[in-house]
């Protein structure tokens, strides 16, 4: 089983990111779960979402306490124990322009930084980094084809919104080194 914890703020598409990642896993023939956890339901409030992916049915119904991977949609959330529970050898992708090596040293895990807000502004006209971060993650660690993520997007969006998000996915995938985290999965 692969477990994800997605951290961000209300309005950044955290819950949508979880559902899209799970839908992409489903498209690839895997079992999946996706669900959010949030307190104050307002734009800008911290939001956490969880995803589980497995080849077998998933019976576990609790929040993800020990994720394999973290997806962080707002680098201002990096303090306060965001890496708590991250499995040894785990990794995180961060929506940030900060230096990934410096953050990896500070956070104690493998880190990849993607300027996802900038990419989203260019592709969709709004700073919603979720599609870029998932595309980048699936490029870093191809646990299933990026095409399955595109199918998940097609199941949720249409028209210009879909086309702009597909352009964003391609932009993020092109920016990201291919299979850079393959050794993380094999560890």
N, C-alpha and C. Protein backbone atom coordinates (compact mmCIF):
# COMPACT_ATOMS: atom_id res chain seq x y z
N UNK A 1 0.85 -1.18 0.00
CA UNK A 1 0.00 0.00 0.00
C UNK A 1 0.89 1.24 0.00
N UNK A 2 0.49 2.22 -0.78
CA UNK A 2 1.18 3.52 -0.81
C UNK A 2 0.23 4.53 -0.19
N UNK A 3 0.75 5.30 0.78
CA UNK A 3 -0.09 6.28 1.47
C UNK A 3 0.48 7.68 1.27
N UNK A 4 -0.43 8.61 1.03
CA UNK A 4 -0.08 10.01 0.80
C UNK A 4 -0.79 10.89 1.82
N UNK A 5 -0.13 11.96 2.19
CA UNK A 5 -0.78 13.03 2.95
C UNK A 5 -0.53 14.31 2.16
N UNK A 6 -1.61 15.02 1.90
CA UNK A 6 -1.54 16.25 1.11
C UNK A 6 -1.86 17.42 2.02
N UNK A 7 -0.93 18.38 2.09
CA UNK A 7 -1.11 19.56 2.95
C UNK A 7 -1.25 20.80 2.08
N UNK A 8 -2.16 21.66 2.46
CA UNK A 8 -2.34 22.92 1.75
C UNK A 8 -3.29 23.81 2.51
N UNK A 9 -3.85 24.75 1.79
CA UNK A 9 -4.80 25.70 2.38
C UNK A 9 -6.09 25.66 1.59
N UNK A 10 -7.18 26.01 2.28
CA UNK A 10 -8.47 26.05 1.62
C UNK A 10 -8.40 26.92 0.37
N UNK A 11 -8.92 26.42 -0.72
CA UNK A 11 -8.91 27.15 -1.98
C UNK A 11 -7.80 26.72 -2.93
N UNK A 12 -6.87 25.90 -2.45
CA UNK A 12 -5.77 25.44 -3.31
C UNK A 12 -6.08 24.12 -4.01
N UNK A 13 -7.21 23.53 -3.71
CA UNK A 13 -7.57 22.29 -4.37
C UNK A 13 -7.01 21.04 -3.71
N UNK A 14 -6.81 21.08 -2.40
CA UNK A 14 -6.30 19.90 -1.67
C UNK A 14 -7.21 18.69 -1.80
N UNK A 15 -8.49 18.90 -1.54
CA UNK A 15 -9.44 17.79 -1.59
C UNK A 15 -9.55 17.29 -3.04
N UNK A 16 -9.60 18.21 -3.98
CA UNK A 16 -9.64 17.81 -5.39
C UNK A 16 -8.38 17.03 -5.76
N UNK A 17 -7.22 17.44 -5.24
CA UNK A 17 -5.97 16.73 -5.51
C UNK A 17 -6.06 15.28 -5.04
N UNK A 18 -6.59 15.08 -3.83
CA UNK A 18 -6.72 13.72 -3.30
C UNK A 18 -7.64 12.89 -4.18
N UNK A 19 -8.79 13.45 -4.55
CA UNK A 19 -9.74 12.71 -5.38
C UNK A 19 -9.17 12.43 -6.77
N UNK A 20 -8.44 13.39 -7.33
CA UNK A 20 -7.85 13.19 -8.65
C UNK A 20 -6.75 12.13 -8.62
N UNK A 21 -5.92 12.14 -7.58
CA UNK A 21 -4.87 11.13 -7.47
C UNK A 21 -5.50 9.74 -7.32
N UNK A 22 -6.53 9.64 -6.50
CA UNK A 22 -7.22 8.36 -6.33
C UNK A 22 -7.90 7.93 -7.63
N UNK A 23 -8.53 8.87 -8.33
CA UNK A 23 -9.19 8.55 -9.60
C UNK A 23 -8.18 8.06 -10.63
N UNK A 24 -6.99 8.66 -10.64
CA UNK A 24 -5.93 8.22 -11.55
C UNK A 24 -5.48 6.81 -11.21
N UNK A 25 -5.37 6.52 -9.91
CA UNK A 25 -5.01 5.17 -9.48
C UNK A 25 -6.08 4.17 -9.92
N UNK A 26 -7.34 4.57 -9.78
CA UNK A 26 -8.46 3.72 -10.20
C UNK A 26 -8.39 3.46 -11.70
N UNK A 27 -8.08 4.51 -12.46
CA UNK A 27 -7.93 4.36 -13.92
C UNK A 27 -6.85 3.36 -14.27
N UNK A 28 -5.84 3.24 -13.41
CA UNK A 28 -4.74 2.31 -13.66
C UNK A 28 -5.05 0.90 -13.16
N UNK A 29 -6.26 0.71 -12.62
CA UNK A 29 -6.66 -0.61 -12.16
C UNK A 29 -6.34 -0.90 -10.71
N UNK A 30 -5.97 0.12 -9.96
CA UNK A 30 -5.62 -0.05 -8.54
C UNK A 30 -6.82 0.25 -7.66
N UNK A 31 -6.76 -0.20 -6.42
CA UNK A 31 -7.73 0.15 -5.40
C UNK A 31 -7.28 1.46 -4.77
N UNK A 32 -8.24 2.25 -4.27
CA UNK A 32 -7.85 3.55 -3.75
C UNK A 32 -8.86 4.07 -2.74
N UNK A 33 -8.39 5.01 -1.93
CA UNK A 33 -9.22 5.79 -1.01
C UNK A 33 -8.73 7.22 -1.07
N UNK A 34 -9.64 8.16 -0.91
CA UNK A 34 -9.27 9.58 -0.79
C UNK A 34 -10.28 10.24 0.11
N UNK A 35 -9.79 11.04 1.06
CA UNK A 35 -10.70 11.74 1.96
C UNK A 35 -9.97 12.91 2.61
N UNK A 36 -10.71 13.97 2.96
CA UNK A 36 -10.11 15.17 3.56
C UNK A 36 -10.26 15.19 5.08
N UNK A 37 -9.54 16.12 5.67
CA UNK A 37 -9.68 16.44 7.09
C UNK A 37 -9.41 17.93 7.21
N UNK A 38 -10.38 18.67 7.70
CA UNK A 38 -10.17 20.10 7.88
C UNK A 38 -11.02 20.60 9.03
N UNK A 39 -10.55 21.70 9.59
CA UNK A 39 -11.27 22.32 10.70
C UNK A 39 -12.17 23.40 10.16
N UNK A 40 -11.76 24.64 10.35
CA UNK A 40 -12.54 25.79 9.88
C UNK A 40 -12.61 25.74 8.35
N UNK A 41 -13.83 25.69 7.84
CA UNK A 41 -14.01 25.62 6.39
C UNK A 41 -14.01 27.02 5.82
N UNK A 42 -12.81 27.52 5.56
CA UNK A 42 -12.69 28.85 4.98
C UNK A 42 -11.45 28.89 4.09
N UNK A 43 -11.48 29.76 3.14
CA UNK A 43 -10.34 29.93 2.24
C UNK A 43 -9.12 30.35 3.06
N UNK A 44 -8.01 29.66 2.83
CA UNK A 44 -6.76 29.97 3.51
C UNK A 44 -6.50 29.15 4.76
N UNK A 45 -7.49 28.46 5.28
CA UNK A 45 -7.29 27.62 6.47
C UNK A 45 -6.53 26.35 6.07
N UNK A 46 -5.68 25.84 6.97
CA UNK A 46 -4.97 24.59 6.65
C UNK A 46 -5.95 23.44 6.39
N UNK A 47 -5.64 22.67 5.35
CA UNK A 47 -6.45 21.52 4.96
C UNK A 47 -5.49 20.35 4.73
N UNK A 48 -5.88 19.18 5.20
CA UNK A 48 -5.10 17.97 4.95
C UNK A 48 -6.02 16.97 4.26
N UNK A 49 -5.47 16.30 3.27
CA UNK A 49 -6.23 15.26 2.58
C UNK A 49 -5.34 14.01 2.53
N UNK A 50 -5.98 12.87 2.40
CA UNK A 50 -5.28 11.60 2.47
C UNK A 50 -5.65 10.73 1.27
N UNK A 51 -4.67 9.94 0.81
CA UNK A 51 -4.89 9.00 -0.29
C UNK A 51 -4.16 7.71 0.03
N UNK A 52 -4.84 6.61 -0.24
CA UNK A 52 -4.23 5.28 -0.17
C UNK A 52 -4.41 4.60 -1.52
N UNK A 53 -3.36 3.91 -1.96
CA UNK A 53 -3.41 3.18 -3.23
C UNK A 53 -2.81 1.80 -2.98
N UNK A 54 -3.50 0.78 -3.47
CA UNK A 54 -3.02 -0.58 -3.28
C UNK A 54 -3.52 -1.45 -4.43
N UNK A 55 -2.91 -2.62 -4.56
CA UNK A 55 -3.36 -3.59 -5.55
C UNK A 55 -4.48 -4.48 -5.00
N UNK A 56 -4.68 -4.43 -3.68
CA UNK A 56 -5.71 -5.23 -3.02
C UNK A 56 -6.74 -4.30 -2.39
N UNK A 57 -7.90 -4.82 -2.04
CA UNK A 57 -8.89 -3.98 -1.35
C UNK A 57 -8.30 -3.36 -0.08
N UNK A 58 -8.71 -2.14 0.21
CA UNK A 58 -8.19 -1.40 1.37
C UNK A 58 -9.27 -1.40 2.45
N UNK A 59 -8.95 -2.01 3.57
CA UNK A 59 -9.90 -2.09 4.68
C UNK A 59 -9.68 -0.99 5.71
N UNK A 60 -8.51 -0.41 5.74
CA UNK A 60 -8.16 0.62 6.72
C UNK A 60 -9.02 1.86 6.50
N UNK A 61 -9.57 2.42 7.57
CA UNK A 61 -10.46 3.57 7.45
C UNK A 61 -10.03 4.74 8.33
N UNK A 62 -8.77 4.82 8.68
CA UNK A 62 -8.26 5.89 9.54
C UNK A 62 -7.45 6.88 8.71
N UNK A 63 -7.18 8.05 9.30
CA UNK A 63 -6.32 9.02 8.63
C UNK A 63 -4.93 8.40 8.43
N UNK A 64 -4.21 8.92 7.47
CA UNK A 64 -2.86 8.45 7.17
C UNK A 64 -1.90 9.08 8.19
N UNK A 65 -1.40 8.25 9.08
CA UNK A 65 -0.47 8.72 10.11
C UNK A 65 0.99 8.58 9.69
N UNK A 66 1.29 7.56 8.87
CA UNK A 66 2.67 7.30 8.45
C UNK A 66 2.73 7.23 6.92
N UNK A 67 2.66 8.40 6.28
CA UNK A 67 2.65 8.41 4.82
C UNK A 67 3.99 8.02 4.22
N UNK A 68 3.92 7.49 3.01
CA UNK A 68 5.12 7.24 2.22
C UNK A 68 5.57 8.54 1.55
N UNK A 69 4.58 9.37 1.20
CA UNK A 69 4.86 10.61 0.46
C UNK A 69 3.99 11.74 0.98
N UNK A 70 4.56 12.94 0.91
CA UNK A 70 3.83 14.16 1.23
C UNK A 70 3.77 15.02 -0.01
N UNK A 71 2.62 15.63 -0.23
CA UNK A 71 2.45 16.64 -1.27
C UNK A 71 2.07 17.91 -0.53
N UNK A 72 2.91 18.95 -0.65
CA UNK A 72 2.71 20.18 0.10
C UNK A 72 2.42 21.30 -0.88
N UNK A 73 1.20 21.82 -0.82
CA UNK A 73 0.74 22.83 -1.79
C UNK A 73 1.08 24.25 -1.36
N UNK A 74 1.57 24.43 -0.14
CA UNK A 74 1.94 25.77 0.35
C UNK A 74 3.18 25.64 1.21
N UNK A 75 4.31 26.15 0.74
CA UNK A 75 5.57 25.99 1.48
C UNK A 75 5.59 26.74 2.81
N UNK A 76 4.64 27.59 3.06
CA UNK A 76 4.56 28.27 4.35
C UNK A 76 4.07 27.32 5.45
N UNK A 77 3.63 26.14 5.07
CA UNK A 77 3.18 25.12 6.03
C UNK A 77 4.31 24.18 6.45
N UNK A 78 5.53 24.43 6.02
CA UNK A 78 6.63 23.50 6.26
C UNK A 78 7.04 23.39 7.72
N UNK A 79 6.73 24.32 8.56
CA UNK A 79 7.03 24.20 9.98
C UNK A 79 5.96 23.36 10.66
N UNK A 80 6.03 23.29 11.96
CA UNK A 80 4.94 22.67 12.72
C UNK A 80 4.78 21.18 12.53
N UNK A 81 5.86 20.46 12.28
CA UNK A 81 5.79 19.01 12.24
C UNK A 81 5.12 18.41 11.03
N UNK A 82 5.21 19.09 9.90
CA UNK A 82 4.55 18.57 8.69
C UNK A 82 5.10 17.20 8.29
N UNK A 83 6.35 16.91 8.63
CA UNK A 83 6.93 15.61 8.27
C UNK A 83 6.69 14.55 9.34
N UNK A 84 5.95 14.87 10.38
CA UNK A 84 5.67 13.89 11.43
C UNK A 84 5.05 12.63 10.81
N UNK A 85 5.62 11.49 11.15
CA UNK A 85 5.10 10.22 10.68
C UNK A 85 5.59 9.79 9.31
N UNK A 86 6.27 10.67 8.57
CA UNK A 86 6.76 10.31 7.24
C UNK A 86 7.69 9.11 7.38
N UNK A 87 7.42 8.06 6.61
CA UNK A 87 8.21 6.83 6.70
C UNK A 87 9.66 7.09 6.36
N UNK A 88 10.54 6.34 6.97
CA UNK A 88 11.96 6.41 6.67
C UNK A 88 12.13 6.14 5.18
N UNK A 89 12.88 6.99 4.51
CA UNK A 89 13.05 6.86 3.07
C UNK A 89 11.95 7.53 2.28
N UNK A 90 10.98 8.14 2.98
CA UNK A 90 9.88 8.83 2.31
C UNK A 90 10.35 10.09 1.61
N UNK A 91 9.46 10.72 0.88
CA UNK A 91 9.81 11.90 0.10
C UNK A 91 8.63 12.85 0.04
N UNK A 92 8.94 14.10 -0.32
CA UNK A 92 7.87 15.08 -0.44
C UNK A 92 8.11 15.98 -1.63
N UNK A 93 7.01 16.35 -2.27
CA UNK A 93 7.05 17.35 -3.33
C UNK A 93 6.39 18.60 -2.77
N UNK A 94 7.02 19.75 -3.03
CA UNK A 94 6.57 21.00 -2.43
C UNK A 94 6.34 22.04 -3.52
N UNK A 95 5.24 22.74 -3.44
CA UNK A 95 4.97 23.89 -4.29
C UNK A 95 5.85 25.02 -3.76
N UNK A 96 7.01 25.20 -4.37
CA UNK A 96 7.95 26.18 -3.84
C UNK A 96 9.02 26.52 -4.87
N UNK A 97 9.60 27.69 -4.71
CA UNK A 97 10.76 28.08 -5.50
C UNK A 97 12.03 28.01 -4.65
N UNK A 98 11.90 27.50 -3.42
CA UNK A 98 13.07 27.36 -2.55
C UNK A 98 13.99 26.26 -3.06
N UNK A 99 15.22 26.23 -2.53
CA UNK A 99 16.21 25.23 -2.90
C UNK A 99 15.84 23.87 -2.28
N UNK A 100 15.65 22.87 -3.11
CA UNK A 100 15.22 21.55 -2.64
C UNK A 100 16.27 20.89 -1.76
N UNK A 101 17.54 21.03 -2.10
CA UNK A 101 18.60 20.41 -1.28
C UNK A 101 18.63 21.00 0.12
N UNK A 102 18.48 22.31 0.22
CA UNK A 102 18.45 22.96 1.52
C UNK A 102 17.26 22.48 2.35
N UNK A 103 16.09 22.41 1.71
CA UNK A 103 14.90 21.93 2.41
C UNK A 103 15.05 20.46 2.81
N UNK A 104 15.65 19.65 1.96
CA UNK A 104 15.85 18.23 2.28
C UNK A 104 16.73 18.09 3.52
N UNK A 105 17.78 18.90 3.61
CA UNK A 105 18.64 18.86 4.78
C UNK A 105 17.90 19.27 6.04
N UNK A 106 17.06 20.28 5.92
CA UNK A 106 16.31 20.77 7.08
C UNK A 106 15.18 19.82 7.48
N UNK A 107 14.53 19.21 6.50
CA UNK A 107 13.36 18.37 6.77
C UNK A 107 13.70 16.90 6.97
N UNK A 108 14.90 16.49 6.56
CA UNK A 108 15.33 15.12 6.78
C UNK A 108 14.71 14.09 5.85
N UNK A 109 14.36 14.50 4.64
CA UNK A 109 13.80 13.56 3.66
C UNK A 109 14.12 14.06 2.26
N UNK A 110 13.87 13.22 1.28
CA UNK A 110 14.05 13.60 -0.12
C UNK A 110 12.98 14.63 -0.48
N UNK A 111 13.39 15.72 -1.15
CA UNK A 111 12.48 16.82 -1.47
C UNK A 111 12.64 17.20 -2.94
N UNK A 112 11.52 17.48 -3.59
CA UNK A 112 11.54 18.09 -4.91
C UNK A 112 10.64 19.32 -4.85
N UNK A 113 11.15 20.45 -5.32
CA UNK A 113 10.39 21.69 -5.34
C UNK A 113 9.94 21.99 -6.77
N UNK A 114 8.69 22.34 -6.90
CA UNK A 114 8.09 22.68 -8.18
C UNK A 114 7.43 24.05 -8.06
N UNK A 115 7.73 24.99 -8.96
CA UNK A 115 7.05 26.29 -8.91
C UNK A 115 5.62 26.18 -9.45
N UNK A 116 4.82 25.40 -8.77
CA UNK A 116 3.48 25.03 -9.25
C UNK A 116 2.53 26.21 -9.34
N UNK A 117 2.61 27.16 -8.41
CA UNK A 117 1.74 28.34 -8.51
C UNK A 117 2.03 29.13 -9.77
N UNK A 118 3.30 29.32 -10.06
CA UNK A 118 3.68 30.06 -11.27
C UNK A 118 3.18 29.33 -12.52
N UNK A 119 3.36 28.03 -12.55
CA UNK A 119 2.90 27.24 -13.69
C UNK A 119 1.38 27.32 -13.83
N UNK A 120 0.69 27.22 -12.70
CA UNK A 120 -0.78 27.28 -12.74
C UNK A 120 -1.27 28.64 -13.22
N UNK A 121 -0.61 29.69 -12.78
CA UNK A 121 -1.00 31.03 -13.25
C UNK A 121 -0.84 31.13 -14.77
N UNK A 122 0.24 30.56 -15.27
CA UNK A 122 0.49 30.62 -16.71
C UNK A 122 -0.52 29.76 -17.49
N UNK A 123 -0.81 28.57 -16.98
CA UNK A 123 -1.66 27.63 -17.73
C UNK A 123 -3.16 27.83 -17.50
N UNK A 124 -3.56 28.10 -16.25
CA UNK A 124 -5.00 28.17 -15.97
C UNK A 124 -5.45 29.54 -15.46
N UNK A 125 -4.47 30.42 -15.21
CA UNK A 125 -4.83 31.78 -14.79
C UNK A 125 -5.17 31.93 -13.32
N UNK A 126 -4.97 30.88 -12.54
CA UNK A 126 -5.24 30.92 -11.10
C UNK A 126 -4.16 30.12 -10.37
N UNK A 127 -3.80 30.52 -9.15
CA UNK A 127 -2.74 29.79 -8.41
C UNK A 127 -3.27 28.53 -7.73
N UNK A 128 -3.72 27.58 -8.51
CA UNK A 128 -4.21 26.30 -7.98
C UNK A 128 -3.21 25.24 -8.43
N UNK A 129 -2.32 24.82 -7.50
CA UNK A 129 -1.17 23.99 -7.86
C UNK A 129 -1.41 22.49 -7.93
N UNK A 130 -2.61 22.01 -7.63
CA UNK A 130 -2.81 20.57 -7.44
C UNK A 130 -2.46 19.72 -8.66
N UNK A 131 -2.93 20.06 -9.84
CA UNK A 131 -2.67 19.24 -11.03
C UNK A 131 -1.18 19.22 -11.36
N UNK A 132 -0.51 20.35 -11.21
CA UNK A 132 0.93 20.40 -11.49
C UNK A 132 1.70 19.51 -10.52
N UNK A 133 1.34 19.56 -9.24
CA UNK A 133 2.05 18.76 -8.24
C UNK A 133 1.85 17.26 -8.46
N UNK A 134 0.64 16.86 -8.79
CA UNK A 134 0.39 15.43 -9.04
C UNK A 134 1.13 14.98 -10.30
N UNK A 135 1.09 15.78 -11.35
CA UNK A 135 1.81 15.43 -12.58
C UNK A 135 3.31 15.31 -12.32
N UNK A 136 3.84 16.24 -11.54
CA UNK A 136 5.26 16.19 -11.21
C UNK A 136 5.58 14.95 -10.39
N UNK A 137 4.74 14.65 -9.40
CA UNK A 137 4.96 13.46 -8.59
C UNK A 137 4.98 12.21 -9.45
N UNK A 138 4.01 12.08 -10.35
CA UNK A 138 3.93 10.89 -11.21
C UNK A 138 5.07 10.82 -12.22
N UNK A 139 5.73 11.94 -12.44
CA UNK A 139 6.93 11.95 -13.29
C UNK A 139 8.15 11.53 -12.46
N UNK A 140 8.23 12.03 -11.23
CA UNK A 140 9.32 11.65 -10.33
C UNK A 140 9.28 10.16 -10.00
N UNK A 141 8.08 9.66 -9.76
CA UNK A 141 7.89 8.26 -9.37
C UNK A 141 6.69 7.71 -10.14
N UNK A 142 6.93 7.14 -11.29
CA UNK A 142 5.82 6.68 -12.14
C UNK A 142 5.15 5.42 -11.60
N UNK A 143 4.35 5.58 -10.54
CA UNK A 143 3.65 4.43 -9.96
C UNK A 143 2.50 3.98 -10.85
N UNK A 144 2.06 4.85 -11.73
CA UNK A 144 1.15 4.52 -12.82
C UNK A 144 1.31 5.60 -13.87
N UNK A 145 0.88 5.36 -15.09
CA UNK A 145 1.12 6.30 -16.19
C UNK A 145 0.45 7.66 -15.99
N UNK A 146 1.13 8.69 -16.44
CA UNK A 146 0.58 10.05 -16.40
C UNK A 146 -0.72 10.11 -17.20
N UNK A 147 -0.84 9.28 -18.21
CA UNK A 147 -2.07 9.23 -19.00
C UNK A 147 -3.29 8.87 -18.16
N UNK A 148 -3.09 8.08 -17.10
CA UNK A 148 -4.21 7.75 -16.22
C UNK A 148 -4.66 8.97 -15.43
N UNK A 149 -3.70 9.83 -15.09
CA UNK A 149 -4.06 11.08 -14.41
C UNK A 149 -4.83 11.98 -15.37
N UNK A 150 -4.42 12.01 -16.62
CA UNK A 150 -5.15 12.81 -17.61
C UNK A 150 -6.58 12.29 -17.79
N UNK A 151 -6.76 10.97 -17.74
CA UNK A 151 -8.11 10.40 -17.81
C UNK A 151 -8.95 10.85 -16.61
N UNK A 152 -8.32 10.89 -15.44
CA UNK A 152 -9.03 11.35 -14.23
C UNK A 152 -9.45 12.81 -14.39
N UNK A 153 -8.59 13.64 -14.96
CA UNK A 153 -8.95 15.04 -15.21
C UNK A 153 -10.11 15.13 -16.18
N UNK A 154 -10.10 14.29 -17.22
CA UNK A 154 -11.18 14.30 -18.20
C UNK A 154 -12.50 13.86 -17.59
N UNK A 155 -12.43 13.06 -16.53
CA UNK A 155 -13.64 12.65 -15.84
C UNK A 155 -14.21 13.72 -14.93
N UNK A 156 -13.42 14.74 -14.63
CA UNK A 156 -13.87 15.78 -13.70
C UNK A 156 -14.12 17.13 -14.38
N UNK A 157 -13.37 17.43 -15.43
CA UNK A 157 -13.45 18.74 -16.08
C UNK A 157 -13.81 18.59 -17.56
N UNK A 158 -14.20 19.71 -18.16
CA UNK A 158 -14.50 19.74 -19.59
C UNK A 158 -14.11 21.10 -20.15
N UNK A 159 -14.13 21.22 -21.44
CA UNK A 159 -13.92 22.49 -22.11
C UNK A 159 -12.56 23.12 -21.80
N UNK A 160 -12.56 24.43 -21.68
CA UNK A 160 -11.32 25.19 -21.47
C UNK A 160 -10.65 24.82 -20.14
N UNK A 161 -11.44 24.53 -19.12
CA UNK A 161 -10.86 24.15 -17.82
C UNK A 161 -10.04 22.87 -17.98
N UNK A 162 -10.60 21.90 -18.68
CA UNK A 162 -9.87 20.65 -18.93
C UNK A 162 -8.62 20.91 -19.76
N UNK A 163 -8.77 21.62 -20.86
CA UNK A 163 -7.63 21.87 -21.75
C UNK A 163 -6.50 22.61 -21.03
N UNK A 164 -6.86 23.60 -20.22
CA UNK A 164 -5.85 24.35 -19.46
C UNK A 164 -5.16 23.46 -18.43
N UNK A 165 -5.92 22.59 -17.78
CA UNK A 165 -5.31 21.67 -16.80
C UNK A 165 -4.43 20.63 -17.49
N UNK A 166 -4.81 20.17 -18.66
CA UNK A 166 -3.96 19.24 -19.40
C UNK A 166 -2.66 19.91 -19.82
N UNK A 167 -2.74 21.17 -20.19
CA UNK A 167 -1.52 21.93 -20.53
C UNK A 167 -0.63 22.08 -19.29
N UNK A 168 -1.25 22.31 -18.14
CA UNK A 168 -0.51 22.42 -16.89
C UNK A 168 0.18 21.10 -16.55
N UNK A 169 -0.50 19.99 -16.73
CA UNK A 169 0.08 18.67 -16.49
C UNK A 169 1.31 18.48 -17.37
N UNK A 170 1.20 18.80 -18.64
CA UNK A 170 2.33 18.65 -19.56
C UNK A 170 3.49 19.56 -19.16
N UNK A 171 3.18 20.77 -18.75
CA UNK A 171 4.22 21.73 -18.33
C UNK A 171 4.97 21.20 -17.12
N UNK A 172 4.24 20.70 -16.12
CA UNK A 172 4.88 20.18 -14.91
C UNK A 172 5.70 18.93 -15.20
N UNK A 173 5.17 18.05 -16.04
CA UNK A 173 5.89 16.82 -16.38
C UNK A 173 7.18 17.13 -17.14
N UNK A 174 7.12 18.12 -18.00
CA UNK A 174 8.32 18.50 -18.76
C UNK A 174 9.38 19.11 -17.85
N UNK A 175 8.97 19.84 -16.84
CA UNK A 175 9.88 20.49 -15.89
C UNK A 175 10.58 19.47 -14.97
N UNK A 176 9.93 18.35 -14.71
CA UNK A 176 10.35 17.40 -13.69
C UNK A 176 11.25 16.30 -14.26
N UNK A 177 12.36 16.00 -13.56
CA UNK A 177 13.21 14.88 -14.00
C UNK A 177 12.45 13.55 -13.97
N UNK A 178 12.58 12.77 -15.00
CA UNK A 178 11.86 11.50 -15.12
C UNK A 178 12.43 10.45 -14.14
N UNK A 179 11.54 9.81 -13.39
CA UNK A 179 11.85 8.68 -12.51
C UNK A 179 12.97 8.98 -11.50
N UNK A 180 13.12 10.23 -11.11
CA UNK A 180 14.16 10.62 -10.15
C UNK A 180 14.01 9.90 -8.82
N UNK A 181 12.78 9.59 -8.44
CA UNK A 181 12.53 8.96 -7.15
C UNK A 181 12.37 7.44 -7.26
N UNK A 182 12.73 6.86 -8.36
CA UNK A 182 12.54 5.41 -8.52
C UNK A 182 13.24 4.66 -7.40
N UNK A 183 14.41 5.14 -6.97
CA UNK A 183 15.12 4.46 -5.89
C UNK A 183 14.41 4.58 -4.56
N UNK A 184 13.57 5.62 -4.38
CA UNK A 184 12.79 5.75 -3.15
C UNK A 184 11.80 4.61 -3.05
N UNK A 185 11.11 4.33 -4.14
CA UNK A 185 10.11 3.26 -4.16
C UNK A 185 10.76 1.89 -3.99
N UNK A 186 11.98 1.74 -4.49
CA UNK A 186 12.66 0.45 -4.41
C UNK A 186 13.39 0.24 -3.09
N UNK A 187 13.43 1.26 -2.24
CA UNK A 187 14.16 1.16 -0.97
C UNK A 187 13.44 0.26 0.02
